[in-house]
Protein backbone atom coordinates (compact mmCIF):
# COMPACT_ATOMS: atom_id res chain seq x y z
CA MET A 1 0.68 -4.09 13.57
CA ILE A 2 -1.43 -0.69 13.99
CA GLU A 3 -4.66 0.68 14.56
CA THR A 4 -5.85 3.90 13.59
CA GLU A 5 -9.36 5.98 14.01
CA ARG A 6 -10.58 2.84 10.89
CA LEU A 7 -8.10 0.88 9.70
CA LEU A 8 -6.16 -1.65 10.90
CA LEU A 9 -2.68 -1.90 9.39
CA ARG A 10 -1.53 -5.01 9.25
CA ARG A 11 1.32 -7.24 7.31
CA PHE A 12 -0.19 -9.34 5.17
CA GLU A 13 -1.69 -12.87 4.92
CA GLY A 14 -2.51 -15.92 2.19
CA ARG A 15 -5.83 -14.92 3.04
CA ASP A 16 -5.40 -11.72 1.15
CA PHE A 17 -4.41 -13.08 -1.96
CA GLU A 18 -7.98 -12.04 -3.15
CA GLY A 19 -9.08 -8.79 -2.60
CA LEU A 20 -5.29 -8.05 -3.74
CA ALA A 21 -5.93 -9.42 -6.54
CA ARG A 22 -8.64 -7.67 -7.33
CA PHE A 23 -7.08 -4.90 -7.82
CA TYR A 24 -4.59 -5.30 -9.35
CA ALA A 25 -7.14 -6.75 -12.40
CA ASP A 26 -8.93 -3.29 -12.00
CA ASP A 27 -8.24 -1.11 -14.44
CA GLN A 28 -9.77 2.62 -12.60
CA VAL A 29 -7.21 1.25 -9.06
CA MET A 30 -4.92 0.63 -11.45
CA ARG A 31 -4.59 3.54 -13.66
CA HIS A 32 -1.54 5.67 -12.35
CA MET A 33 0.46 2.06 -12.07
CA LEU A 34 2.24 0.33 -14.39
CA PRO A 35 1.54 -1.07 -16.67
CA GLY A 36 -1.11 1.72 -16.72
CA ARG A 37 -4.55 -0.36 -16.78
CA GLY A 38 -5.49 -3.66 -14.66
CA LEU A 39 -3.70 -6.67 -14.65
CA PRO A 40 -5.28 -10.24 -16.43
CA ARG A 41 -6.87 -12.42 -14.06
CA ALA A 42 -3.88 -14.47 -13.87
CA GLN A 43 -1.10 -12.27 -13.69
CA ALA A 44 -3.10 -10.49 -11.43
CA GLN A 45 -2.79 -13.42 -9.04
CA GLU A 46 0.59 -13.74 -9.64
CA ARG A 47 1.74 -9.99 -8.70
CA ALA A 48 -0.73 -10.55 -5.55
CA LYS A 49 1.44 -14.26 -4.58
CA SER A 50 4.87 -12.13 -5.44
CA ASN A 51 3.80 -8.98 -3.80
CA ILE A 52 2.49 -10.57 -0.55
CA HIS A 53 6.15 -12.60 -0.58
CA ASN A 54 8.13 -9.88 -1.42
CA PHE A 55 6.14 -7.24 1.24
CA ASN A 56 6.02 -10.45 4.00
CA ASP A 57 10.39 -11.10 3.38
CA HIS A 58 10.70 -6.88 3.39
CA TRP A 59 8.87 -6.43 7.25
CA ASP A 60 11.95 -9.37 8.37
CA ARG A 61 15.27 -8.10 6.10
CA ARG A 62 14.56 -4.22 6.92
CA GLY A 63 12.24 -4.34 10.11
CA TYR A 64 9.22 -2.04 8.44
CA GLY A 65 7.79 -2.82 4.65
CA VAL A 66 3.60 -2.58 3.75
CA TRP A 67 0.48 -3.70 5.51
CA ALA A 68 -2.83 -4.75 4.78
CA LEU A 69 -4.71 -2.00 5.19
CA GLN A 70 -8.51 -3.11 7.12
CA ASP A 71 -11.92 -1.19 7.80
CA ARG A 72 -12.37 -1.69 11.60
CA ALA A 73 -15.11 -1.88 11.59
CA SER A 74 -16.29 -4.85 8.86
CA GLY A 75 -12.91 -6.75 8.55
CA ARG A 76 -12.73 -5.76 4.59
CA LEU A 77 -9.58 -5.45 2.88
CA LEU A 78 -9.12 -2.56 1.71
CA GLY A 79 -5.34 -2.26 -0.02
CA GLN A 80 -2.45 -2.01 0.94
CA CYS A 81 0.29 1.24 2.36
CA GLY A 82 3.74 0.95 3.71
CA LEU A 83 7.54 2.07 2.92
CA ARG A 84 10.20 0.52 1.15
CA TRP A 85 13.45 0.51 -0.37
CA VAL A 86 13.92 1.71 -3.49
CA PRO A 87 17.71 0.09 -4.26
CA GLU A 88 17.98 2.48 -7.62
CA ALA A 89 16.82 5.49 -5.32
CA GLU A 90 18.89 4.16 -2.01
CA GLN A 91 15.66 6.10 -0.31
CA THR A 92 12.41 4.78 1.10
CA GLU A 93 9.15 5.32 -0.20
CA LEU A 94 5.67 5.80 1.08
CA LEU A 95 3.77 3.40 -1.05
CA TYR A 96 -0.29 3.05 -1.35
CA LEU A 97 -3.30 1.81 -3.25
CA LEU A 98 -6.94 1.37 -1.79
CA ALA A 99 -9.42 -0.52 -3.40
CA LYS A 100 -12.10 2.22 -5.58
CA THR A 101 -14.63 1.63 -2.53
CA ALA A 102 -12.20 3.30 0.05
CA TRP A 103 -11.64 6.88 -2.88
CA GLY A 104 -12.49 10.01 -1.24
CA ARG A 105 -13.06 8.95 2.44
CA GLY A 106 -9.65 10.11 3.88
CA LEU A 107 -7.83 6.84 4.32
CA ALA A 108 -4.89 6.73 2.23
CA SER A 109 -4.33 9.73 4.55
CA GLU A 110 -4.78 8.48 7.28
CA ALA A 111 -3.34 5.43 6.22
CA GLY A 112 -0.41 7.18 5.02
CA ARG A 113 0.56 9.40 7.84
CA ALA A 114 0.26 6.30 10.49
CA ALA A 115 2.38 5.36 8.25
CA LEU A 116 5.24 7.75 7.89
CA GLN A 117 4.78 7.86 11.45
CA PHE A 118 5.74 4.80 11.79
CA GLY A 119 8.67 4.91 9.80
CA PHE A 120 10.51 7.52 12.05
CA ASP A 121 9.28 6.86 15.19
CA ARG A 122 9.96 3.48 15.26
CA ALA A 123 12.05 2.36 12.12
CA GLY A 124 14.53 5.45 12.78
CA LEU A 125 14.58 6.74 8.77
CA GLU A 126 15.53 9.82 8.00
CA THR A 127 13.87 10.38 4.68
CA LEU A 128 11.19 9.32 3.28
CA ILE A 129 10.36 9.92 -0.64
CA ALA A 130 6.99 9.34 -1.68
CA LEU A 131 6.00 9.22 -6.37
CA THR A 132 2.92 9.85 -8.15
CA ALA A 133 2.13 10.01 -11.81
CA PRO A 134 1.90 14.28 -12.48
CA GLU A 135 -2.10 13.55 -13.26
CA ASN A 136 -2.72 12.25 -9.86
CA ARG A 137 -4.31 14.17 -8.14
CA GLY A 138 -6.10 12.09 -6.15
CA SER A 139 -2.66 11.24 -4.58
CA GLN A 140 -0.88 14.53 -4.15
CA ARG A 141 -3.83 15.73 -2.20
CA VAL A 142 -2.74 12.28 0.51
CA LEU A 143 0.72 13.43 -0.08
CA THR A 144 0.39 16.97 0.53
């Protein structure tokens, strides 16, 4: 668990399922993710359930992973951010996905900095990658 000025980065729990599924079903949140739009409700729920399992399994296997982003003031789930091993690239990726209500407030950058620091200082990683769609200017600003 990591605390930043405005966020709590913690492992996902079962109670996060519905919130995560809402993000995955949102057309705007998912426009730069595969398949380029929000998932149908049942598919979003299945992905949320699968991802929570996979995120926590990744933590257990690698000692780092994807956190749930929780607003420290309200306790609301705001999204996900963390580090994920990408076998195809043989690299660890910084990734993030935030609810629309969290956009434009610097929260992705705040979470990303915390994840990078954890990766380099505590997980012993030497390099990280990050991928974004060319048209995703917001994500490019976060990475910069």
